[in-house]
Amino acid sequence: MTGDEYIERAVTALANREYEQAGDAYSRSGWSTLAEPRDGLSPFEADEHGWVGRALRSLAVGAVAYRVAGKQTRATRRCVEGVAVAKDLRTGLSEPAQRACLLEFAADFHAIGAMSGVEDAYDDAETAYRDGDIEEPQRWGTTPLFEAAAEPIKQLARSTANGEIAIKWEDLHGSDPSQPGAFLAHRARYKRSRFPSLIETVCSEGYLAAPRGTTEYNNAQYRCPACNSSDVNWTGDSTLCMRCSRPMERSD
């Protein structure tokens, strides 16, 4: 199976509140994507798009799912693994922006795993962004690597916001792209202030939303059997309630 196919399994598990199974599926997605980020692409070679970030994204969300399931030890192990992989991948990427983003990922794993040194890890990422010779920060911010690094915190935030988009692209980045280092360093500062508390909230509430895909409000063809909402979230091959991530029922 491919990494995307394992994510489909993970989303189905999230919809069924089977968080340990979701963690397993996300983990398998991460491992398979690490082996081959894209067809014919090696994870150890330079890649201007940073497709390998999707593997780290899967490992990160999988670790969150384990924590929600009460599997703290497995979550911590996955995060230790994620830190090691993120730092190892830096040897294959030469762009300063990408190398800094991998440190951002490493800091996220510290936060998700409730590991020591969270503040220092985000400080390392912020410094790497500020000191790197970075050009075109807005372009980097829209590449697969950077988008993958943004997805876990966005998924957690919408878990606590009734399914709405609670963190936007503008929230994660600085206001002045003419200052590339500061523009991207804002990602690390923002996550340092928001991510740990979001993780704790999701874990205490015992609910992790499915990733947001294509959405539609007030779709008369669908109804959520759990909360009676007609707001739909099409994510991957699943048709879920935008509010509670349960599978939607369609009326003929």
Protein backbone atom coordinates (compact mmCIF):
# COMPACT_ATOMS: atom_id res chain seq x y z
CA MET A 1 0.00 0.00 0.00
CA THR A 2 1.05 3.60 -0.57
CA GLY A 3 1.37 6.35 2.00
CA ASP A 4 -1.84 7.94 0.74
CA GLU A 5 -3.72 4.66 1.10
CA TYR A 6 -2.60 4.36 4.70
CA ILE A 7 -3.82 7.92 5.31
CA GLU A 8 -7.23 6.86 4.02
CA ARG A 9 -7.20 4.15 6.67
CA ALA A 10 -6.14 6.68 9.27
CA VAL A 11 -8.98 9.07 8.37
CA THR A 12 -11.49 6.23 8.61
CA ALA A 13 -10.13 5.35 12.04
CA LEU A 14 -10.39 8.99 13.17
CA ALA A 15 -14.01 9.07 12.03
CA ASN A 16 -14.69 5.96 14.12
CA ARG A 17 -12.79 7.35 17.13
CA GLU A 18 -10.29 4.51 16.85
CA TYR A 19 -7.27 6.61 17.68
CA GLU A 20 -4.73 3.86 18.26
CA GLN A 21 -5.58 2.40 14.85
CA ALA A 22 -5.29 5.89 13.38
CA GLY A 23 -1.83 6.22 14.91
CA ASP A 24 -0.82 2.88 13.40
CA ALA A 25 -2.07 3.87 9.94
CA TYR A 26 -0.41 7.29 10.06
CA SER A 27 2.83 5.63 11.16
CA ARG A 28 2.74 3.21 8.25
CA SER A 29 2.01 6.13 5.91
CA GLY A 30 5.05 7.94 7.26
CA TRP A 31 7.35 4.96 6.92
CA SER A 32 6.24 4.12 3.39
CA THR A 33 6.50 7.75 2.27
CA LEU A 34 9.98 8.04 3.75
CA ALA A 35 11.05 5.12 1.60
CA GLU A 36 9.80 6.84 -1.57
CA PRO A 37 8.41 10.37 -1.15
CA ARG A 38 7.36 10.45 -4.80
CA ASP A 39 7.69 7.94 -7.62
CA GLY A 40 11.40 7.57 -8.35
CA LEU A 41 12.44 10.18 -5.75
CA SER A 42 14.96 9.31 -3.04
CA PRO A 43 14.55 10.83 0.43
CA PHE A 44 18.31 11.34 0.55
CA GLU A 45 18.51 13.60 -2.49
CA ALA A 46 17.90 17.33 -2.74
CA ASP A 47 14.31 18.14 -3.67
CA GLU A 48 13.17 21.73 -4.07
CA HIS A 49 9.60 20.75 -3.20
CA GLY A 50 10.44 18.80 -0.06
CA TRP A 51 7.99 15.95 -0.61
CA VAL A 52 9.58 14.07 2.26
CA GLY A 53 7.78 16.49 4.57
CA ARG A 54 4.59 14.52 4.05
CA ALA A 55 6.19 11.55 5.74
CA LEU A 56 7.09 13.66 8.76
CA ARG A 57 3.56 15.07 8.79
CA SER A 58 2.14 11.55 9.00
CA LEU A 59 4.48 10.57 11.83
CA ALA A 60 3.55 13.74 13.73
CA VAL A 61 -0.22 13.34 13.40
CA GLY A 62 0.13 9.65 14.19
CA ALA A 63 1.91 10.53 17.43
CA VAL A 64 -0.93 12.90 18.35
CA ALA A 65 -3.44 10.13 17.68
CA TYR A 66 -1.51 7.80 19.99
CA ARG A 67 -1.58 10.43 22.72
CA VAL A 68 -5.34 10.88 22.33
CA ALA A 69 -5.66 7.11 22.60
CA GLY A 70 -3.71 7.20 25.87
CA LYS A 71 -0.68 5.51 24.33
CA GLN A 72 1.90 7.97 25.67
CA THR A 73 4.88 5.62 25.40
CA ARG A 74 4.20 4.85 21.76
CA ALA A 75 3.64 8.55 21.02
CA THR A 76 6.96 9.45 22.64
CA ARG A 77 8.79 6.76 20.70
CA ARG A 78 7.28 8.00 17.46
CA CYS A 79 8.40 11.53 18.31
CA VAL A 80 11.94 10.44 19.17
CA GLU A 81 11.97 8.74 15.80
CA GLY A 82 10.59 11.88 14.13
CA VAL A 83 13.29 14.12 15.62
CA ALA A 84 16.01 11.75 14.44
CA VAL A 85 14.56 11.49 10.93
CA ALA A 86 14.04 15.25 10.57
CA LYS A 87 17.60 16.00 11.60
CA ASP A 88 19.00 13.23 9.40
CA LEU A 89 17.10 14.51 6.37
CA ARG A 90 18.82 17.88 6.73
CA THR A 91 21.97 16.26 5.29
CA GLY A 92 20.17 15.75 1.97
CA LEU A 93 18.79 19.26 1.63
CA SER A 94 21.00 22.26 0.93
CA GLU A 95 18.49 25.12 0.91
CA PRO A 96 18.63 27.08 4.20
CA ALA A 97 14.85 27.48 4.30
CA GLN A 98 14.30 23.72 4.01
CA ARG A 99 16.96 22.92 6.59
CA ALA A 100 15.30 25.35 9.00
CA CYS A 101 11.89 23.82 8.31
CA LEU A 102 13.21 20.41 9.28
CA LEU A 103 14.30 21.90 12.61
CA GLU A 104 10.78 23.27 12.93
CA PHE A 105 9.50 19.72 12.42
CA ALA A 106 11.94 18.48 15.08
CA ALA A 107 10.55 21.06 17.51
CA ASP A 108 7.00 19.93 16.73
CA PHE A 109 7.95 16.37 17.62
CA HIS A 110 9.39 17.61 20.92
CA ALA A 111 6.07 19.32 21.66
CA ILE A 112 3.86 16.40 20.59
CA GLY A 113 5.87 13.89 22.56
CA ALA A 114 5.96 16.11 25.68
CA MET A 115 9.73 15.78 25.50
CA SER A 116 12.21 18.03 27.28
CA GLY A 117 13.77 20.93 25.39
CA VAL A 118 10.68 22.14 23.51
CA GLU A 119 11.57 25.82 23.91
CA ASP A 120 15.17 25.23 22.86
CA ALA A 121 14.07 23.23 19.81
CA TYR A 122 11.84 26.05 18.58
CA ASP A 123 14.62 28.55 19.33
CA ASP A 124 16.94 26.50 17.09
CA ALA A 125 14.40 26.62 14.26
CA GLU A 126 13.82 30.35 14.69
CA THR A 127 17.57 31.02 14.64
CA ALA A 128 18.03 28.89 11.53
CA TYR A 129 15.36 30.89 9.72
CA ARG A 130 16.76 34.23 10.81
CA ASP A 131 20.39 33.41 10.05
CA GLY A 132 19.79 31.53 6.80
CA ASP A 133 20.42 33.14 3.44
CA ILE A 134 16.79 32.76 2.37
CA GLU A 135 15.14 34.21 -0.71
CA GLU A 136 11.50 34.09 -1.86
CA PRO A 137 10.04 33.15 1.54
CA GLN A 138 6.46 33.17 0.25
CA ARG A 139 7.36 30.58 -2.38
CA TRP A 140 9.00 28.34 0.22
CA GLY A 141 5.97 28.71 2.45
CA THR A 142 3.74 27.12 -0.20
CA THR A 143 5.95 24.13 -1.02
CA PRO A 144 4.94 20.63 0.14
CA LEU A 145 7.58 20.62 2.91
CA PHE A 146 6.31 23.79 4.54
CA GLU A 147 2.66 22.93 4.01
CA ALA A 148 3.26 19.53 5.61
CA ALA A 149 4.88 21.20 8.61
CA ALA A 150 1.81 23.42 9.00
CA GLU A 151 -0.80 20.66 8.76
CA PRO A 152 -0.50 19.06 12.23
CA ILE A 153 -1.08 22.31 14.14
CA LYS A 154 -3.94 23.23 11.80
CA GLN A 155 -5.58 19.83 12.33
CA LEU A 156 -5.30 20.17 16.09
CA ALA A 157 -6.65 23.71 16.04
CA ARG A 158 -9.77 22.78 14.07
CA SER A 159 -10.30 19.91 16.53
CA THR A 160 -10.96 22.59 19.16
CA ALA A 161 -12.86 25.03 16.90
CA ASN A 162 -15.94 23.06 15.83
CA GLY A 163 -14.26 22.08 12.58
CA GLU A 164 -13.56 25.61 11.42
CA ILE A 165 -10.20 26.84 10.14
CA ALA A 166 -8.65 28.18 13.32
CA ILE A 167 -5.11 28.80 12.03
CA LYS A 168 -4.56 30.41 8.66
CA TRP A 169 -1.46 30.70 6.52
CA GLU A 170 -1.20 34.36 7.53
CA ASP A 171 -1.14 33.42 11.21
CA LEU A 172 1.95 31.28 10.77
CA HIS A 173 4.02 33.84 8.88
CA GLY A 174 5.32 37.32 9.46
CA SER A 175 3.79 40.43 7.96
CA ASP A 176 6.75 41.51 5.83
CA PRO A 177 8.06 39.04 3.21
CA SER A 178 10.81 41.51 2.32
CA GLN A 179 12.46 40.28 5.53
CA PRO A 180 12.68 36.58 4.67
CA GLY A 181 14.26 35.35 7.89
CA ALA A 182 11.77 37.08 10.16
CA PHE A 183 8.89 36.17 7.85
CA LEU A 184 9.57 32.44 8.22
CA ALA A 185 10.89 32.59 11.79
CA HIS A 186 7.39 33.64 12.82
CA ARG A 187 6.35 30.01 12.20
CA ALA A 188 8.57 28.81 15.03
CA ARG A 189 7.52 31.61 17.39
CA TYR A 190 3.84 31.04 16.71
CA LYS A 191 4.08 27.29 17.22
CA ARG A 192 6.10 27.70 20.40
CA SER A 193 3.26 29.77 21.87
CA ARG A 194 0.29 27.73 20.55
CA PHE A 195 1.20 24.14 19.79
CA PRO A 196 1.81 22.72 23.31
CA SER A 197 -1.51 24.03 24.66
CA LEU A 198 -3.41 22.76 21.62
CA ILE A 199 -1.92 19.31 22.10
CA GLU A 200 -2.95 19.25 25.75
CA THR A 201 -6.48 20.41 24.91
CA VAL A 202 -6.97 17.76 22.24
CA CYS A 203 -5.64 15.05 24.53
CA SER A 204 -7.76 16.12 27.49
CA GLU A 205 -10.90 16.27 25.33
CA GLY A 206 -10.09 12.94 23.69
CA TYR A 207 -10.95 14.12 20.21
CA LEU A 208 -8.78 14.59 17.11
CA ALA A 209 -10.58 15.86 14.02
CA ALA A 210 -9.96 14.45 10.58
CA PRO A 211 -7.91 16.68 8.26
CA ARG A 212 -9.92 19.31 6.45
CA GLY A 213 -10.39 18.78 2.73
CA THR A 214 -13.10 20.29 0.51
CA THR A 215 -15.99 21.59 2.59
CA GLU A 216 -19.54 22.77 2.03
CA TYR A 217 -21.98 24.33 4.44
CA ASN A 218 -25.67 23.36 4.59
CA ASN A 219 -25.60 20.57 2.03
CA ALA A 220 -29.17 19.26 2.01
CA GLN A 221 -28.06 15.88 0.64
CA TYR A 222 -26.09 14.99 3.77
CA ARG A 223 -26.83 14.74 7.46
CA CYS A 224 -24.58 13.75 10.33
CA PRO A 225 -26.21 11.00 12.41
CA ALA A 226 -24.17 12.06 15.44
CA CYS A 227 -24.70 15.84 15.64
CA ASN A 228 -27.32 16.48 12.92
CA SER A 229 -25.06 18.89 11.01
CA SER A 230 -25.33 19.28 7.23
CA ASP A 231 -21.84 20.78 6.89
CA VAL A 232 -19.68 18.38 4.90
CA ASN A 233 -15.95 17.70 4.80
CA TRP A 234 -14.72 15.67 1.83
CA THR A 235 -11.25 14.53 2.83
CA GLY A 236 -9.56 11.91 0.69
CA ASP A 237 -12.15 9.25 -0.10
CA SER A 238 -14.21 9.99 3.01
CA THR A 239 -17.35 12.10 3.35
CA LEU A 240 -17.36 13.31 6.93
CA CYS A 241 -19.14 15.79 9.12
CA MET A 242 -17.20 19.04 9.19
CA ARG A 243 -18.19 19.51 12.82
CA CYS A 244 -17.46 16.17 14.48
CA SER A 245 -15.69 14.11 11.77
CA ARG A 246 -18.26 11.32 11.88
CA PRO A 247 -19.23 9.67 8.56
CA MET A 248 -22.12 11.50 6.90
CA GLU A 249 -25.33 9.85 5.75
CA ARG A 250 -26.68 10.75 2.33
CA SER A 251 -30.36 11.15 1.66
CA ASP A 252 -31.60 10.04 -1.78
